[in-house]
């Protein structure tokens, strides 16, 4: 049986890349039926609303990277925290060329041997912030 930590790490990476490219098929397969998403601008989406938003991302040049990633496991639940650096444009809308870094919290559920993303919350961060 594959190591569940490795499978989760792969699911998190696949999800990020699918979001950046607008790959709706992969996103749909990795979302739980009761998914909720709070984006970096305070908008709250249910599963259907977020998938509609994600579908509109197809064809954008956004790139995503992960850092400071930490994972905690509580039974069949994983809480993943870290930072995403979003570059290459198309982050807020198709014409947007502004880069963005976000601190995220993701909640993943292990169901029938597969990790599904249950919830997401993002907060924009500035690298030069002194924490005040």
Protein backbone atom coordinates (compact mmCIF):
# COMPACT_ATOMS: atom_id res chain seq x y z
CA UNK A 1 0.00 0.00 0.00
CA UNK A 2 1.41 3.42 -0.93
CA UNK A 3 2.41 5.75 1.89
CA UNK A 4 -0.56 8.05 2.54
CA UNK A 5 1.77 11.01 3.18
CA UNK A 6 3.27 10.60 -0.31
CA UNK A 7 -0.21 10.30 -1.85
CA UNK A 8 -1.34 13.47 -0.06
CA UNK A 9 1.75 15.40 -1.15
CA UNK A 10 1.06 14.38 -4.75
CA UNK A 11 -2.64 15.35 -4.46
CA UNK A 12 -1.71 18.81 -3.10
CA UNK A 13 0.76 19.35 -5.95
CA UNK A 14 -1.69 18.11 -8.61
CA UNK A 15 -4.42 20.34 -7.22
CA UNK A 16 -2.21 23.44 -7.30
CA UNK A 17 -1.08 22.80 -10.86
CA UNK A 18 -4.66 22.06 -11.97
CA UNK A 19 -5.85 25.35 -10.46
CA UNK A 20 -3.08 27.30 -12.18
CA UNK A 21 -3.91 25.80 -15.58
CA UNK A 22 -7.71 25.61 -15.22
CA UNK A 23 -7.75 21.78 -15.39
CA UNK A 24 -11.36 21.24 -14.30
CA UNK A 25 -11.29 17.45 -14.63
CA UNK A 26 -8.46 17.09 -12.10
CA UNK A 27 -9.95 19.66 -9.73
CA UNK A 28 -13.36 17.98 -9.80
CA UNK A 29 -11.76 14.60 -9.01
CA UNK A 30 -9.85 16.00 -6.01
CA UNK A 31 -12.69 17.94 -4.34
CA UNK A 32 -14.95 16.50 -1.66
CA UNK A 33 -18.72 16.76 -2.25
CA UNK A 34 -19.00 19.33 0.58
CA UNK A 35 -16.00 21.50 -0.37
CA UNK A 36 -15.80 25.12 0.81
CA UNK A 37 -13.26 27.72 -0.31
CA UNK A 38 -12.42 31.13 1.16
CA UNK A 39 -10.13 32.95 -1.25
CA UNK A 40 -7.43 35.54 -0.56
CA UNK A 41 -9.91 38.36 -1.18
CA UNK A 42 -12.56 37.16 1.29
CA UNK A 43 -14.95 35.53 -1.17
CA UNK A 44 -16.55 32.28 0.03
CA UNK A 45 -17.42 29.59 -2.51
CA UNK A 46 -19.24 26.28 -2.25
CA UNK A 47 -18.07 23.40 -4.44
CA UNK A 48 -20.16 24.29 -7.51
CA UNK A 49 -19.32 27.99 -7.30
CA UNK A 50 -15.62 27.34 -6.94
CA UNK A 51 -15.55 24.92 -9.88
CA UNK A 52 -17.29 27.57 -12.03
CA UNK A 53 -14.62 30.07 -10.98
CA UNK A 54 -11.85 27.54 -11.70
CA UNK A 55 -13.26 26.74 -15.16
CA UNK A 56 -12.80 30.39 -16.14
CA UNK A 57 -9.05 30.09 -15.40
CA UNK A 58 -8.32 27.85 -18.42
CA UNK A 59 -5.64 29.32 -20.68
CA UNK A 60 -4.11 31.71 -18.15
CA UNK A 61 -0.34 31.72 -17.70
CA UNK A 62 -0.38 31.43 -13.92
CA UNK A 63 2.43 29.49 -12.25
CA UNK A 64 2.21 28.20 -8.66
CA UNK A 65 4.95 27.20 -6.23
CA UNK A 66 4.77 25.88 -2.67
CA UNK A 67 7.00 26.61 0.33
CA UNK A 68 6.94 26.34 4.11
CA UNK A 69 4.54 23.40 3.74
CA UNK A 70 3.67 21.54 6.93
CA UNK A 71 1.14 18.75 7.38
CA UNK A 72 -0.63 17.48 10.49
CA UNK A 73 -2.63 14.26 10.49
CA UNK A 74 -5.64 13.59 12.70
CA UNK A 75 -6.92 10.15 11.74
CA UNK A 76 -8.23 10.36 8.16
CA UNK A 77 -7.92 14.17 8.13
CA UNK A 78 -4.86 16.17 7.12
CA UNK A 79 -4.35 19.89 7.71
CA UNK A 80 -1.83 21.34 5.27
CA UNK A 81 -0.43 24.84 5.80
CA UNK A 82 2.11 26.77 3.78
CA UNK A 83 2.74 29.55 1.31
CA UNK A 84 1.87 29.67 -2.39
CA UNK A 85 3.73 32.06 -4.66
CA UNK A 86 1.56 32.83 -7.70
CA UNK A 87 3.28 34.34 -10.74
CA UNK A 88 2.89 34.67 -14.48
CA UNK A 89 -0.30 36.69 -14.58
CA UNK A 90 -3.98 35.86 -14.64
CA UNK A 91 -4.26 35.45 -10.88
CA UNK A 92 -7.18 37.77 -10.08
CA UNK A 93 -8.54 37.98 -13.63
CA UNK A 94 -7.39 37.19 -17.16
CA UNK A 95 -5.66 40.56 -17.65
CA UNK A 96 -4.02 40.80 -14.24
CA UNK A 97 -0.20 40.76 -14.29
CA UNK A 98 0.33 41.17 -10.53
CA UNK A 99 2.10 38.40 -8.61
CA UNK A 100 0.66 37.28 -5.29
CA UNK A 101 1.85 35.28 -2.27
CA UNK A 102 -0.71 33.68 0.02
CA UNK A 103 -0.53 31.80 3.29
CA UNK A 104 -2.96 28.91 3.05
CA UNK A 105 -4.70 26.31 5.15
CA UNK A 106 -6.06 23.24 3.39
CA UNK A 107 -8.12 20.46 4.96
CA UNK A 108 -7.95 17.07 3.21
CA UNK A 109 -10.01 13.93 3.92
CA UNK A 110 -8.95 10.36 3.18
CA UNK A 111 -11.92 8.57 1.60
CA UNK A 112 -11.69 5.06 0.13
CA UNK A 113 -7.91 5.37 -0.19
CA UNK A 114 -8.03 8.75 -1.96
CA UNK A 115 -7.30 12.22 -0.58
CA UNK A 116 -10.02 14.83 -1.25
CA UNK A 117 -9.76 18.52 -0.47
CA UNK A 118 -12.53 19.55 1.93
CA UNK A 119 -11.70 23.18 2.69
CA UNK A 120 -9.31 25.98 1.77
CA UNK A 121 -8.58 29.39 3.25
CA UNK A 122 -6.05 31.92 1.93
CA UNK A 123 -4.60 35.14 3.29
CA UNK A 124 -2.46 37.46 1.13
CA UNK A 125 0.98 38.11 2.59
CA UNK A 126 3.78 40.57 1.99
CA UNK A 127 7.29 39.21 2.23
CA UNK A 128 8.66 42.41 3.76
CA UNK A 129 6.09 42.37 6.59
CA UNK A 130 7.60 42.51 10.07
CA UNK A 131 4.58 40.82 11.62
CA UNK A 132 3.26 44.00 13.22
